[in-house]
Amino acid sequence: MLRRFLLLALVTVSIAACADYVNGPFHPRGGDDDDYTSDTTGGSNDTTGGGTDTTSGPTDTTVCFTRDILPILISNCTMAECHDAINPEEDVDLTSYTSIMQGRERIVRAGNPAESKLYRSLIETDRDEIMPPPPRSLTAEQIALVARWIREGARNRDCSNDNTGCDTANVTYTTHIQPIMQRSCNGCHSGTNPSAGINLTDRAVVTSMATSGRLYGSMAHRPGFAAMPPSGGKLDDCTLATIQAWKQQGLR
């Protein structure tokens, strides 16, 4: 009789202990540290390369894929018979988020730049293996930005239509326009043999194209202008507004 009483008491205590957890034993309660659950919201812990982030707001300081990463790749890596959509080298198409994350080969491992072929190819020391090949190799700042994007979860954060925080009140070439050229144009339009003979590392050339309206027309993919960049979509609204403001403010 005593043994049955002790056994019943033990079972009662065990049930009470389990009830202390919201989801049963060994599951953390709300507010407990949870290092082993997966973030499926596309946040900084997302390791799936999730879909378009629709929750970004003014306080989101993570790298914006459409504004900061895609233009670098398109400008420097998607020329014809390189990593374009028509005839991509090694079947690696770098013209969109989907093609980058869901291509035949997994070249980005969200959260881990060191295990991402995309990043490793940028820092390769072999001149025959580095991407893009010299003299088009990315700058240290651009490579660091790609690494940060991957480390933050390789999110498809879209800022193309977000003008929040877009300051076009005092646009100058050095502060605003030159970085746009470096990020979005100089991969093709630089060096001794620039595309279409247009060297956009030269301020005089950039100024001339802005004055004629060709710079904005091409970037905005307007009818009658050669779309620039030719691969992917047009640049984000803030970049386009900045180009317009620079011309309106006297091309300083």
C-alpha atoms as a PDB file:
ATOM      1  CA  MET A   1       0.000   0.000   0.000  1.00  0.00           C
ATOM      2  CA  LEU A   2       2.824   2.366   0.942  1.00  0.00           C
ATOM      3  CA  ARG A   3       4.657   1.590  -2.334  1.00  0.00           C
ATOM      4  CA  ARG A   4       1.513   2.433  -4.364  1.00  0.00           C
ATOM      5  CA  PHE A   5       1.158   5.741  -2.488  1.00  0.00           C
ATOM      6  CA  LEU A   6       4.790   6.705  -3.130  1.00  0.00           C
ATOM      7  CA  LEU A   7       4.519   5.778  -6.823  1.00  0.00           C
ATOM      8  CA  LEU A   8       1.350   7.883  -7.215  1.00  0.00           C
ATOM      9  CA  ALA A   9       3.046  10.827  -5.535  1.00  0.00           C
ATOM     10  CA  LEU A  10       6.052  10.560  -7.869  1.00  0.00           C
ATOM     11  CA  VAL A  11       3.839  10.548 -10.975  1.00  0.00           C
ATOM     12  CA  THR A  12       1.954  13.616  -9.689  1.00  0.00           C
ATOM     13  CA  VAL A  13       5.211  15.546  -9.168  1.00  0.00           C
ATOM     14  CA  SER A  14       6.436  14.623 -12.667  1.00  0.00           C
ATOM     15  CA  ILE A  15       3.216  15.858 -14.291  1.00  0.00           C
ATOM     16  CA  ALA A  16       3.447  19.113 -12.386  1.00  0.00           C
ATOM     17  CA  ALA A  17       7.050  19.624 -13.514  1.00  0.00           C
ATOM     18  CA  CYS A  18       6.098  19.110 -17.145  1.00  0.00           C
ATOM     19  CA  ALA A  19       3.177  21.510 -16.833  1.00  0.00           C
ATOM     20  CA  ASP A  20       5.625  24.291 -15.969  1.00  0.00           C
ATOM     21  CA  TYR A  21       6.639  24.344 -19.643  1.00  0.00           C
ATOM     22  CA  VAL A  22       4.361  25.832 -22.250  1.00  0.00           C
ATOM     23  CA  ASN A  23       5.192  23.180 -24.830  1.00  0.00           C
ATOM     24  CA  GLY A  24       6.083  20.301 -22.513  1.00  0.00           C
ATOM     25  CA  PRO A  25       9.457  19.315 -21.084  1.00  0.00           C
ATOM     26  CA  PHE A  26      12.699  20.508 -22.706  1.00  0.00           C
ATOM     27  CA  HIS A  27      10.920  23.322 -24.575  1.00  0.00           C
ATOM     28  CA  PRO A  28      11.853  26.835 -23.449  1.00  0.00           C
ATOM     29  CA  ARG A  29       9.157  29.113 -22.132  1.00  0.00           C
ATOM     30  CA  GLY A  30       8.506  32.577 -23.517  1.00  0.00           C
ATOM     31  CA  GLY A  31      11.452  34.820 -22.753  1.00  0.00           C
ATOM     32  CA  ASP A  32      13.900  31.948 -22.225  1.00  0.00           C
ATOM     33  CA  ASP A  33      17.063  31.832 -24.287  1.00  0.00           C
ATOM     34  CA  ASP A  34      16.358  29.829 -27.438  1.00  0.00           C
ATOM     35  CA  ASP A  35      19.498  29.040 -29.369  1.00  0.00           C
ATOM     36  CA  TYR A  36      18.194  26.052 -31.224  1.00  0.00           C
ATOM     37  CA  THR A  37      14.991  27.232 -32.878  1.00  0.00           C
ATOM     38  CA  SER A  38      14.954  28.532 -36.446  1.00  0.00           C
ATOM     39  CA  ASP A  39      13.917  31.998 -37.520  1.00  0.00           C
ATOM     40  CA  THR A  40      11.522  31.551 -40.442  1.00  0.00           C
ATOM     41  CA  THR A  41      10.690  35.216 -40.891  1.00  0.00           C
ATOM     42  CA  GLY A  42      13.582  36.052 -43.189  1.00  0.00           C
ATOM     43  CA  GLY A  43      15.380  37.894 -40.393  1.00  0.00           C
ATOM     44  CA  SER A  44      19.058  37.963 -39.573  1.00  0.00           C
ATOM     45  CA  ASN A  45      18.996  34.309 -38.449  1.00  0.00           C
ATOM     46  CA  ASP A  46      17.317  33.073 -41.598  1.00  0.00           C
ATOM     47  CA  THR A  47      19.504  30.444 -43.243  1.00  0.00           C
ATOM     48  CA  THR A  48      17.113  29.600 -46.042  1.00  0.00           C
ATOM     49  CA  GLY A  49      17.551  32.698 -48.215  1.00  0.00           C
ATOM     50  CA  GLY A  50      13.870  33.430 -47.665  1.00  0.00           C
ATOM     51  CA  GLY A  51      11.447  35.465 -49.715  1.00  0.00           C
ATOM     52  CA  THR A  52      11.023  39.188 -50.050  1.00  0.00           C
ATOM     53  CA  ASP A  53      11.057  40.986 -46.737  1.00  0.00           C
ATOM     54  CA  THR A  54       7.881  43.039 -46.371  1.00  0.00           C
ATOM     55  CA  THR A  55       8.469  44.238 -42.828  1.00  0.00           C
ATOM     56  CA  SER A  56      11.424  46.511 -43.389  1.00  0.00           C
ATOM     57  CA  GLY A  57      10.981  49.997 -42.045  1.00  0.00           C
ATOM     58  CA  PRO A  58      13.012  53.096 -41.307  1.00  0.00           C
ATOM     59  CA  THR A  59      14.718  51.358 -38.379  1.00  0.00           C
ATOM     60  CA  ASP A  60      15.928  48.401 -40.446  1.00  0.00           C
ATOM     61  CA  THR A  61      19.676  48.901 -40.864  1.00  0.00           C
ATOM     62  CA  THR A  62      20.435  45.610 -42.596  1.00  0.00           C
ATOM     63  CA  VAL A  63      21.896  45.647 -46.084  1.00  0.00           C
ATOM     64  CA  CYS A  64      19.308  46.322 -48.776  1.00  0.00           C
ATOM     65  CA  PHE A  65      19.700  43.753 -51.535  1.00  0.00           C
ATOM     66  CA  THR A  66      18.028  45.705 -54.340  1.00  0.00           C
ATOM     67  CA  ARG A  67      19.912  48.926 -53.608  1.00  0.00           C
ATOM     68  CA  ASP A  68      23.279  47.775 -52.262  1.00  0.00           C
ATOM     69  CA  ILE A  69      24.064  44.293 -53.589  1.00  0.00           C
ATOM     70  CA  LEU A  70      22.285  43.606 -56.891  1.00  0.00           C
ATOM     71  CA  PRO A  71      23.659  46.728 -58.667  1.00  0.00           C
ATOM     72  CA  ILE A  72      27.225  45.702 -57.766  1.00  0.00           C
ATOM     73  CA  LEU A  73      26.734  42.210 -59.171  1.00  0.00           C
ATOM     74  CA  ILE A  74      24.932  43.356 -62.297  1.00  0.00           C
ATOM     75  CA  SER A  75      27.467  46.079 -63.070  1.00  0.00           C
ATOM     76  CA  ASN A  76      30.508  43.882 -62.561  1.00  0.00           C
ATOM     77  CA  CYS A  77      29.472  40.279 -63.193  1.00  0.00           C
ATOM     78  CA  THR A  78      26.601  39.977 -65.689  1.00  0.00           C
ATOM     79  CA  MET A  79      28.150  41.033 -68.973  1.00  0.00           C
ATOM     80  CA  ALA A  80      27.308  38.894 -72.016  1.00  0.00           C
ATOM     81  CA  GLU A  81      28.559  35.318 -71.699  1.00  0.00           C
ATOM     82  CA  CYS A  82      29.579  35.914 -68.111  1.00  0.00           C
ATOM     83  CA  HIS A  83      26.957  35.482 -65.382  1.00  0.00           C
ATOM     84  CA  ASP A  84      24.031  36.844 -67.371  1.00  0.00           C
ATOM     85  CA  ALA A  85      20.608  35.257 -67.705  1.00  0.00           C
ATOM     86  CA  ILE A  86      20.983  34.172 -71.349  1.00  0.00           C
ATOM     87  CA  ASN A  87      24.225  32.200 -71.313  1.00  0.00           C
ATOM     88  CA  PRO A  88      25.501  32.171 -67.737  1.00  0.00           C
ATOM     89  CA  GLU A  89      29.026  30.924 -67.198  1.00  0.00           C
ATOM     90  CA  GLU A  90      29.040  27.710 -65.130  1.00  0.00           C
ATOM     91  CA  ASP A  91      25.230  28.082 -64.994  1.00  0.00           C
ATOM     92  CA  VAL A  92      25.616  30.854 -62.395  1.00  0.00           C
ATOM     93  CA  ASP A  93      23.103  33.622 -63.111  1.00  0.00           C
ATOM     94  CA  LEU A  94      23.634  36.738 -60.969  1.00  0.00           C
ATOM     95  CA  THR A  95      20.893  38.914 -62.437  1.00  0.00           C
ATOM     96  CA  SER A  96      18.260  38.461 -59.707  1.00  0.00           C
ATOM     97  CA  TYR A  97      17.764  37.327 -56.123  1.00  0.00           C
ATOM     98  CA  THR A  98      15.942  34.195 -57.229  1.00  0.00           C
ATOM     99  CA  SER A  99      18.641  33.127 -59.676  1.00  0.00           C
ATOM    100  CA  ILE A 100      21.361  33.761 -57.089  1.00  0.00           C
ATOM    101  CA  MET A 101      19.675  31.859 -54.273  1.00  0.00           C
ATOM    102  CA  GLN A 102      17.937  29.096 -56.245  1.00  0.00           C
ATOM    103  CA  GLY A 103      20.331  28.384 -59.085  1.00  0.00           C
ATOM    104  CA  ARG A 104      21.673  24.971 -60.014  1.00  0.00           C
ATOM    105  CA  GLU A 105      24.549  25.446 -57.579  1.00  0.00           C
ATOM    106  CA  ARG A 106      24.181  26.823 -54.081  1.00  0.00           C
ATOM    107  CA  ILE A 107      26.606  29.761 -54.115  1.00  0.00           C
ATOM    108  CA  VAL A 108      25.285  31.576 -51.022  1.00  0.00           C
ATOM    109  CA  ARG A 109      24.973  30.047 -47.571  1.00  0.00           C
ATOM    110  CA  ALA A 110      23.003  32.593 -45.598  1.00  0.00           C
ATOM    111  CA  GLY A 111      24.784  33.627 -42.418  1.00  0.00           C
ATOM    112  CA  ASN A 112      28.149  32.194 -43.497  1.00  0.00           C
ATOM    113  CA  PRO A 113      30.279  34.179 -45.981  1.00  0.00           C
ATOM    114  CA  ALA A 114      33.246  31.827 -45.585  1.00  0.00           C
ATOM    115  CA  GLU A 115      31.134  28.915 -46.871  1.00  0.00           C
ATOM    116  CA  SER A 116      29.590  30.943 -49.710  1.00  0.00           C
ATOM    117  CA  LYS A 117      31.139  30.452 -53.138  1.00  0.00           C
ATOM    118  CA  LEU A 118      29.948  33.901 -54.183  1.00  0.00           C
ATOM    119  CA  TYR A 119      31.990  35.588 -51.446  1.00  0.00           C
ATOM    120  CA  ARG A 120      35.010  33.292 -51.753  1.00  0.00           C
ATOM    121  CA  SER A 121      35.273  34.062 -55.471  1.00  0.00           C
ATOM    122  CA  LEU A 122      35.489  37.776 -54.670  1.00  0.00           C
ATOM    123  CA  ILE A 123      38.477  37.346 -52.335  1.00  0.00           C
ATOM    124  CA  GLU A 124      40.290  34.696 -54.382  1.00  0.00           C
ATOM    125  CA  THR A 125      44.035  35.430 -54.700  1.00  0.00           C
ATOM    126  CA  ASP A 126      44.492  33.486 -57.941  1.00  0.00           C
ATOM    127  CA  ARG A 127      44.085  35.945 -60.827  1.00  0.00           C
ATOM    128  CA  ASP A 128      42.543  33.178 -62.929  1.00  0.00           C
ATOM    129  CA  GLU A 129      39.897  32.408 -60.313  1.00  0.00           C
ATOM    130  CA  ILE A 130      38.964  35.781 -58.815  1.00  0.00           C
ATOM    131  CA  MET A 131      35.575  37.178 -59.789  1.00  0.00           C
ATOM    132  CA  PRO A 132      35.273  39.540 -61.493  1.00  0.00           C
ATOM    133  CA  PRO A 133      38.723  39.273 -63.083  1.00  0.00           C
ATOM    134  CA  PRO A 134      41.119  42.235 -62.952  1.00  0.00           C
ATOM    135  CA  PRO A 135      40.839  45.081 -63.640  1.00  0.00           C
ATOM    136  CA  ARG A 136      37.152  44.790 -62.734  1.00  0.00           C
ATOM    137  CA  SER A 137      37.768  43.251 -59.307  1.00  0.00           C
ATOM    138  CA  LEU A 138      35.514  44.708 -56.626  1.00  0.00           C
ATOM    139  CA  THR A 139      36.762  47.218 -54.101  1.00  0.00           C
ATOM    140  CA  ALA A 140      37.388  46.247 -50.493  1.00  0.00           C
ATOM    141  CA  GLU A 141      34.279  48.202 -49.492  1.00  0.00           C
ATOM    142  CA  GLN A 142      32.086  46.371 -52.003  1.00  0.00           C
ATOM    143  CA  ILE A 143      33.409  42.971 -50.914  1.00  0.00           C
ATOM    144  CA  ALA A 144      32.801  43.861 -47.272  1.00  0.00           C
ATOM    145  CA  LEU A 145      29.225  44.841 -48.147  1.00  0.00           C
ATOM    146  CA  VAL A 146      28.579  41.486 -49.836  1.00  0.00           C
ATOM    147  CA  ALA A 147      30.012  39.699 -46.794  1.00  0.00           C
ATOM    148  CA  ARG A 148      27.779  41.713 -44.470  1.00  0.00           C
ATOM    149  CA  TRP A 149      24.714  40.925 -46.583  1.00  0.00           C
ATOM    150  CA  ILE A 150      25.416  37.201 -46.372  1.00  0.00           C
ATOM    151  CA  ARG A 151      26.224  37.383 -42.667  1.00  0.00           C
ATOM    152  CA  GLU A 152      22.911  39.136 -41.992  1.00  0.00           C
ATOM    153  CA  GLY A 153      21.007  36.274 -43.602  1.00  0.00           C
ATOM    154  CA  ALA A 154      21.220  37.062 -47.339  1.00  0.00           C
ATOM    155  CA  ARG A 155      17.747  38.597 -47.211  1.00  0.00           C
ATOM    156  CA  ASN A 156      15.820  39.811 -50.227  1.00  0.00           C
ATOM    157  CA  ARG A 157      15.293  43.225 -48.676  1.00  0.00           C
ATOM    158  CA  ASP A 158      13.724  45.429 -51.344  1.00  0.00           C
ATOM    159  CA  CYS A 159      14.272  49.193 -51.106  1.00  0.00           C
ATOM    160  CA  SER A 160      13.571  49.993 -54.757  1.00  0.00           C
ATOM    161  CA  ASN A 161      10.396  51.964 -53.975  1.00  0.00           C
ATOM    162  CA  ASP A 162      11.318  53.178 -50.505  1.00  0.00           C
ATOM    163  CA  ASN A 163      12.219  56.859 -50.354  1.00  0.00           C
ATOM    164  CA  THR A 164      12.239  56.936 -46.571  1.00  0.00           C
ATOM    165  CA  GLY A 165      15.412  58.709 -45.564  1.00  0.00           C
ATOM    166  CA  CYS A 166      16.245  59.653 -49.168  1.00  0.00           C
ATOM    167  CA  ASP A 167      17.902  63.058 -48.790  1.00  0.00           C
ATOM    168  CA  THR A 168      18.218  64.949 -52.078  1.00  0.00           C
ATOM    169  CA  ALA A 169      18.460  68.450 -50.607  1.00  0.00           C
ATOM    170  CA  ASN A 170      22.159  69.016 -51.237  1.00  0.00           C
ATOM    171  CA  VAL A 171      23.450  66.604 -53.868  1.00  0.00           C
ATOM    172  CA  THR A 172      27.096  66.774 -54.932  1.00  0.00           C
ATOM    173  CA  TYR A 173      29.151  64.665 -57.308  1.00  0.00           C
ATOM    174  CA  THR A 174      31.725  63.494 -54.770  1.00  0.00           C
ATOM    175  CA  THR A 175      29.283  62.613 -51.994  1.00  0.00           C
ATOM    176  CA  HIS A 176      26.358  61.208 -53.957  1.00  0.00           C
ATOM    177  CA  ILE A 177      26.930  60.693 -57.688  1.00  0.00           C
ATOM    178  CA  GLN A 178      30.394  59.147 -57.728  1.00  0.00           C
ATOM    179  CA  PRO A 179      29.363  56.346 -55.306  1.00  0.00           C
ATOM    180  CA  ILE A 180      26.354  55.597 -57.543  1.00  0.00           C
ATOM    181  CA  MET A 181      28.662  55.292 -60.542  1.00  0.00           C
ATOM    182  CA  GLN A 182      31.039  53.034 -58.607  1.00  0.00           C
ATOM    183  CA  ARG A 183      28.219  50.810 -57.383  1.00  0.00           C
ATOM    184  CA  SER A 184      26.075  50.593 -60.472  1.00  0.00           C
ATOM    185  CA  CYS A 185      28.002  51.586 -63.597  1.00  0.00           C
ATOM    186  CA  ASN A 186      31.779  51.404 -63.428  1.00  0.00           C
ATOM    187  CA  GLY A 187      31.929  47.636 -63.787  1.00  0.00           C
ATOM    188  CA  CYS A 188      31.132  48.134 -67.486  1.00  0.00           C
ATOM    189  CA  HIS A 189      31.921  51.790 -68.059  1.00  0.00           C
ATOM    190  CA  SER A 190      35.543  52.041 -66.955  1.00  0.00           C
ATOM    191  CA  GLY A 191      39.077  51.057 -67.937  1.00  0.00           C
ATOM    192  CA  THR A 192      40.800  51.316 -71.282  1.00  0.00           C
ATOM    193  CA  ASN A 193      37.899  49.760 -73.176  1.00  0.00           C
ATOM    194  CA  PRO A 194      34.683  50.918 -71.498  1.00  0.00           C
ATOM    195  CA  SER A 195      31.333  49.664 -72.761  1.00  0.00           C
ATOM    196  CA  ALA A 196      30.015  51.810 -75.655  1.00  0.00           C
ATOM    197  CA  GLY A 197      33.132  53.961 -75.260  1.00  0.00           C
ATOM    198  CA  ILE A 198      31.571  55.669 -72.213  1.00  0.00           C
ATOM    199  CA  ASN A 199      33.891  55.963 -69.226  1.00  0.00           C
ATOM    200  CA  LEU A 200      31.812  56.876 -66.204  1.00  0.00           C
ATOM    201  CA  THR A 201      34.822  57.190 -63.929  1.00  0.00           C
ATOM    202  CA  ASP A 202      35.401  60.528 -65.666  1.00  0.00           C
ATOM    203  CA  ARG A 203      33.372  63.303 -64.024  1.00  0.00           C
ATOM    204  CA  ALA A 204      33.249  65.298 -67.263  1.00  0.00           C
ATOM    205  CA  VAL A 205      31.584  62.369 -69.041  1.00  0.00           C
ATOM    206  CA  VAL A 206      29.072  61.852 -66.221  1.00  0.00           C
ATOM    207  CA  THR A 207      28.267  65.581 -66.223  1.00  0.00           C
ATOM    208  CA  SER A 208      27.783  65.622 -69.989  1.00  0.00           C
ATOM    209  CA  MET A 209      25.426  62.637 -69.874  1.00  0.00           C
ATOM    210  CA  ALA A 210      23.452  64.148 -66.997  1.00  0.00           C
ATOM    211  CA  THR A 211      23.135  67.462 -68.851  1.00  0.00           C
ATOM    212  CA  SER A 212      21.803  65.781 -71.993  1.00  0.00           C
ATOM    213  CA  GLY A 213      19.358  63.664 -69.999  1.00  0.00           C
ATOM    214  CA  ARG A 214      20.958  60.409 -71.162  1.00  0.00           C
ATOM    215  CA  LEU A 215      22.117  59.437 -67.680  1.00  0.00           C
ATOM    216  CA  TYR A 216      18.678  59.604 -66.083  1.00  0.00           C
ATOM    217  CA  GLY A 217      16.883  58.292 -69.172  1.00  0.00           C
ATOM    218  CA  SER A 218      19.072  55.188 -69.313  1.00  0.00           C
ATOM    219  CA  MET A 219      18.934  54.541 -65.565  1.00  0.00           C
ATOM    220  CA  ALA A 220      15.144  54.968 -65.496  1.00  0.00           C
ATOM    221  CA  HIS A 221      14.792  52.647 -68.531  1.00  0.00           C
ATOM    222  CA  ARG A 222      12.818  55.281 -70.409  1.00  0.00           C
ATOM    223  CA  PRO A 223      11.730  54.621 -74.019  1.00  0.00           C
ATOM    224  CA  GLY A 224      14.323  55.762 -76.524  1.00  0.00           C
ATOM    225  CA  PHE A 225      17.269  55.249 -74.178  1.00  0.00           C
ATOM    226  CA  ALA A 226      19.597  52.271 -73.847  1.00  0.00           C
ATOM    227  CA  ALA A 227      18.611  50.673 -70.546  1.00  0.00           C
ATOM    228  CA  MET A 228      21.374  50.853 -67.983  1.00  0.00           C
ATOM    229  CA  PRO A 229      22.164  48.458 -66.487  1.00  0.00           C
ATOM    230  CA  PRO A 230      21.036  46.208 -69.352  1.00  0.00           C
ATOM    231  CA  SER A 231      20.520  43.203 -67.045  1.00  0.00           C
ATOM    232  CA  GLY A 232      17.949  43.280 -64.257  1.00  0.00           C
ATOM    233  CA  GLY A 233      15.542  46.084 -63.496  1.00  0.00           C
ATOM    234  CA  LYS A 234      16.062  49.806 -63.239  1.00  0.00           C
ATOM    235  CA  LEU A 235      17.760  51.344 -60.237  1.00  0.00           C
ATOM    236  CA  ASP A 236      15.860  52.207 -57.069  1.00  0.00           C
ATOM    237  CA  ASP A 237      13.727  55.353 -56.825  1.00  0.00           C
ATOM    238  CA  CYS A 238      16.076  57.129 -54.420  1.00  0.00           C
ATOM    239  CA  THR A 239      19.033  56.719 -56.781  1.00  0.00           C
ATOM    240  CA  LEU A 240      16.989  58.053 -59.680  1.00  0.00           C
ATOM    241  CA  ALA A 241      15.752  60.987 -57.584  1.00  0.00           C
ATOM    242  CA  THR A 242      19.343  61.754 -56.617  1.00  0.00           C
ATOM    243  CA  ILE A 243      20.444  61.848 -60.271  1.00  0.00           C
ATOM    244  CA  GLN A 244      17.609  64.247 -61.084  1.00  0.00           C
ATOM    245  CA  ALA A 245      18.333  66.448 -58.075  1.00  0.00           C
ATOM    246  CA  TRP A 246      22.019  66.697 -59.010  1.00  0.00           C
ATOM    247  CA  LYS A 247      21.126  68.106 -62.425  1.00  0.00           C
ATOM    248  CA  GLN A 248      18.486  70.443 -61.047  1.00  0.00           C
ATOM    249  CA  GLN A 249      20.888  71.773 -58.433  1.00  0.00           C
ATOM    250  CA  GLY A 250      23.565  72.701 -60.928  1.00  0.00           C
ATOM    251  CA  LEU A 251      25.692  69.538 -61.207  1.00  0.00           C
ATOM    252  CA  ARG A 252      27.883  70.493 -58.255  1.00  0.00           C
END
